[in-house]
Amino acid sequence: MVKQSSAILNSDQGSQYTCQLWIDTVLLLGAEVSHDGAARAIHNIMIERVWRSLKYENVYLSGYGQMREADKGISAYFDFYNTQRPHQSLDYKTPWEVVMKN
């Protein structure tokens, strides 16, 4: 009998996600492996925007020296990102404003 997985791990086709060790580990943990098609970054454009904003607006400017420092600073950034920073794609509202109206 084949075990049905309820989780799917989707990633790009970077070498770290296509090596056999990675795939075997994901399968061992009970998830299915899914890779975006070549040049299909459009599938995850929203999360790519989040990571780009985090890197350019926080991480690169802060130069964190320790993990504890990075954890604290990145947590504060995500609070700012979701509650204070207006987003062009949300008609210059914050994600918090959009969620609270629904």
C-alpha atoms as a PDB file:
ATOM      1  CA  MET A   1       0.000   0.000   0.000  1.00  0.00           C
ATOM      2  CA  VAL A   2       1.312   3.460  -0.925  1.00  0.00           C
ATOM      3  CA  LYS A   3       1.115   6.111   1.776  1.00  0.00           C
ATOM      4  CA  GLN A   4      -0.784   9.196   0.628  1.00  0.00           C
ATOM      5  CA  SER A   5       1.012  12.422   1.465  1.00  0.00           C
ATOM      6  CA  SER A   6      -0.907  15.436   2.674  1.00  0.00           C
ATOM      7  CA  ALA A   7       2.020  17.826   2.285  1.00  0.00           C
ATOM      8  CA  ILE A   8       3.678  19.047  -0.874  1.00  0.00           C
ATOM      9  CA  LEU A   9       6.991  20.864  -0.757  1.00  0.00           C
ATOM     10  CA  ASN A  10       7.232  23.152  -3.781  1.00  0.00           C
ATOM     11  CA  SER A  11      10.561  24.745  -4.670  1.00  0.00           C
ATOM     12  CA  ASP A  12      12.439  26.094  -7.628  1.00  0.00           C
ATOM     13  CA  GLN A  13      14.854  23.954  -9.590  1.00  0.00           C
ATOM     14  CA  GLY A  14      17.995  25.121  -7.805  1.00  0.00           C
ATOM     15  CA  SER A  15      20.639  22.455  -7.308  1.00  0.00           C
ATOM     16  CA  GLN A  16      20.028  22.369  -3.560  1.00  0.00           C
ATOM     17  CA  TYR A  17      16.404  21.317  -4.190  1.00  0.00           C
ATOM     18  CA  THR A  18      17.024  18.798  -6.945  1.00  0.00           C
ATOM     19  CA  CYS A  19      19.852  16.790  -5.405  1.00  0.00           C
ATOM     20  CA  GLN A  20      18.896  13.253  -4.487  1.00  0.00           C
ATOM     21  CA  LEU A  21      19.697  13.712  -0.784  1.00  0.00           C
ATOM     22  CA  TRP A  22      17.184  16.581  -0.529  1.00  0.00           C
ATOM     23  CA  ILE A  23      14.497  14.679  -2.433  1.00  0.00           C
ATOM     24  CA  ASP A  24      15.023  11.506  -0.369  1.00  0.00           C
ATOM     25  CA  THR A  25      14.797  13.515   2.873  1.00  0.00           C
ATOM     26  CA  VAL A  26      11.542  15.216   1.835  1.00  0.00           C
ATOM     27  CA  LEU A  27      10.039  11.865   0.834  1.00  0.00           C
ATOM     28  CA  LEU A  28      11.236  10.247   4.066  1.00  0.00           C
ATOM     29  CA  LEU A  29       9.413  12.963   6.014  1.00  0.00           C
ATOM     30  CA  GLY A  30       6.209  12.063   4.180  1.00  0.00           C
ATOM     31  CA  ALA A  31       5.878  15.002   1.801  1.00  0.00           C
ATOM     32  CA  GLU A  32       5.732  15.073  -1.968  1.00  0.00           C
ATOM     33  CA  VAL A  33       8.286  16.985  -4.019  1.00  0.00           C
ATOM     34  CA  SER A  34       7.153  19.546  -6.571  1.00  0.00           C
ATOM     35  CA  HIS A  35       9.400  21.790  -8.657  1.00  0.00           C
ATOM     36  CA  ASP A  36       8.435  24.928 -10.512  1.00  0.00           C
ATOM     37  CA  GLY A  37       8.862  24.713 -14.247  1.00  0.00           C
ATOM     38  CA  ALA A  38      11.948  26.287 -15.749  1.00  0.00           C
ATOM     39  CA  ALA A  39      11.720  30.090 -15.755  1.00  0.00           C
ATOM     40  CA  ARG A  40       8.402  29.978 -13.903  1.00  0.00           C
ATOM     41  CA  ALA A  41       9.214  32.378 -11.071  1.00  0.00           C
ATOM     42  CA  ILE A  42       5.835  33.982 -11.731  1.00  0.00           C
ATOM     43  CA  HIS A  43       4.283  31.151  -9.687  1.00  0.00           C
ATOM     44  CA  ASN A  44       5.803  32.467  -6.497  1.00  0.00           C
ATOM     45  CA  ILE A  45       6.149  36.143  -7.327  1.00  0.00           C
ATOM     46  CA  MET A  46       4.424  37.338  -4.149  1.00  0.00           C
ATOM     47  CA  ILE A  47       6.794  35.513  -1.797  1.00  0.00           C
ATOM     48  CA  GLU A  48       9.743  36.575  -3.975  1.00  0.00           C
ATOM     49  CA  ARG A  49       8.640  40.191  -3.431  1.00  0.00           C
ATOM     50  CA  VAL A  50       8.545  39.632   0.324  1.00  0.00           C
ATOM     51  CA  TRP A  51      12.080  38.163   0.383  1.00  0.00           C
ATOM     52  CA  ARG A  52      13.388  40.945  -1.882  1.00  0.00           C
ATOM     53  CA  SER A  53      11.889  43.600   0.388  1.00  0.00           C
ATOM     54  CA  LEU A  54      13.294  41.912   3.484  1.00  0.00           C
ATOM     55  CA  LYS A  55      16.785  41.696   1.996  1.00  0.00           C
ATOM     56  CA  TYR A  56      16.986  45.228   0.586  1.00  0.00           C
ATOM     57  CA  GLU A  57      15.049  47.086   3.288  1.00  0.00           C
ATOM     58  CA  ASN A  58      16.435  45.264   6.313  1.00  0.00           C
ATOM     59  CA  VAL A  59      19.039  42.504   6.088  1.00  0.00           C
ATOM     60  CA  TYR A  60      21.558  44.204   3.778  1.00  0.00           C
ATOM     61  CA  LEU A  61      21.242  47.482   5.695  1.00  0.00           C
ATOM     62  CA  SER A  62      21.549  45.894   9.136  1.00  0.00           C
ATOM     63  CA  GLY A  63      24.504  43.560   8.655  1.00  0.00           C
ATOM     64  CA  TYR A  64      23.446  41.227  11.446  1.00  0.00           C
ATOM     65  CA  GLY A  65      26.402  39.664  13.236  1.00  0.00           C
ATOM     66  CA  GLN A  66      24.580  37.042  15.275  1.00  0.00           C
ATOM     67  CA  MET A  67      21.520  34.881  14.753  1.00  0.00           C
ATOM     68  CA  ARG A  68      19.772  36.262  17.846  1.00  0.00           C
ATOM     69  CA  GLU A  69      20.227  39.784  16.494  1.00  0.00           C
ATOM     70  CA  ALA A  70      18.903  38.758  13.068  1.00  0.00           C
ATOM     71  CA  ASP A  71      15.888  37.018  14.597  1.00  0.00           C
ATOM     72  CA  LYS A  72      14.968  40.107  16.597  1.00  0.00           C
ATOM     73  CA  GLY A  73      15.536  42.532  13.703  1.00  0.00           C
ATOM     74  CA  ILE A  74      13.720  40.437  11.103  1.00  0.00           C
ATOM     75  CA  SER A  75      10.765  39.905  13.451  1.00  0.00           C
ATOM     76  CA  ALA A  76      10.526  43.676  13.926  1.00  0.00           C
ATOM     77  CA  TYR A  77      10.758  44.184  10.149  1.00  0.00           C
ATOM     78  CA  PHE A  78       7.867  41.788   9.477  1.00  0.00           C
ATOM     79  CA  ASP A  79       5.756  43.616  12.039  1.00  0.00           C
ATOM     80  CA  PHE A  80       6.550  46.881  10.212  1.00  0.00           C
ATOM     81  CA  TYR A  81       6.011  45.238   6.785  1.00  0.00           C
ATOM     82  CA  ASN A  82       2.547  43.997   7.730  1.00  0.00           C
ATOM     83  CA  THR A  83       1.215  46.865   9.830  1.00  0.00           C
ATOM     84  CA  GLN A  84       2.915  50.116   8.755  1.00  0.00           C
ATOM     85  CA  ARG A  85       4.499  49.794   5.293  1.00  0.00           C
ATOM     86  CA  PRO A  86       2.085  50.641   2.450  1.00  0.00           C
ATOM     87  CA  HIS A  87       2.165  48.223  -0.487  1.00  0.00           C
ATOM     88  CA  GLN A  88       1.719  49.359  -4.069  1.00  0.00           C
ATOM     89  CA  SER A  89       0.045  46.061  -4.977  1.00  0.00           C
ATOM     90  CA  LEU A  90      -2.532  46.676  -2.209  1.00  0.00           C
ATOM     91  CA  ASP A  91      -3.438  50.162  -3.440  1.00  0.00           C
ATOM     92  CA  TYR A  92      -0.976  51.639  -0.913  1.00  0.00           C
ATOM     93  CA  LYS A  93      -2.644  49.969   2.058  1.00  0.00           C
ATOM     94  CA  THR A  94      -0.891  47.757   4.570  1.00  0.00           C
ATOM     95  CA  PRO A  95      -1.601  44.016   4.639  1.00  0.00           C
ATOM     96  CA  TRP A  96      -3.127  44.556   8.083  1.00  0.00           C
ATOM     97  CA  GLU A  97      -5.602  47.103   6.685  1.00  0.00           C
ATOM     98  CA  VAL A  98      -6.617  44.735   3.892  1.00  0.00           C
ATOM     99  CA  VAL A  99      -7.103  41.761   6.216  1.00  0.00           C
ATOM    100  CA  MET A 100      -9.082  43.749   8.772  1.00  0.00           C
ATOM    101  CA  LYS A 101     -11.531  44.996   6.114  1.00  0.00           C
ATOM    102  CA  ASN A 102     -12.391  41.413   5.123  1.00  0.00           C
END
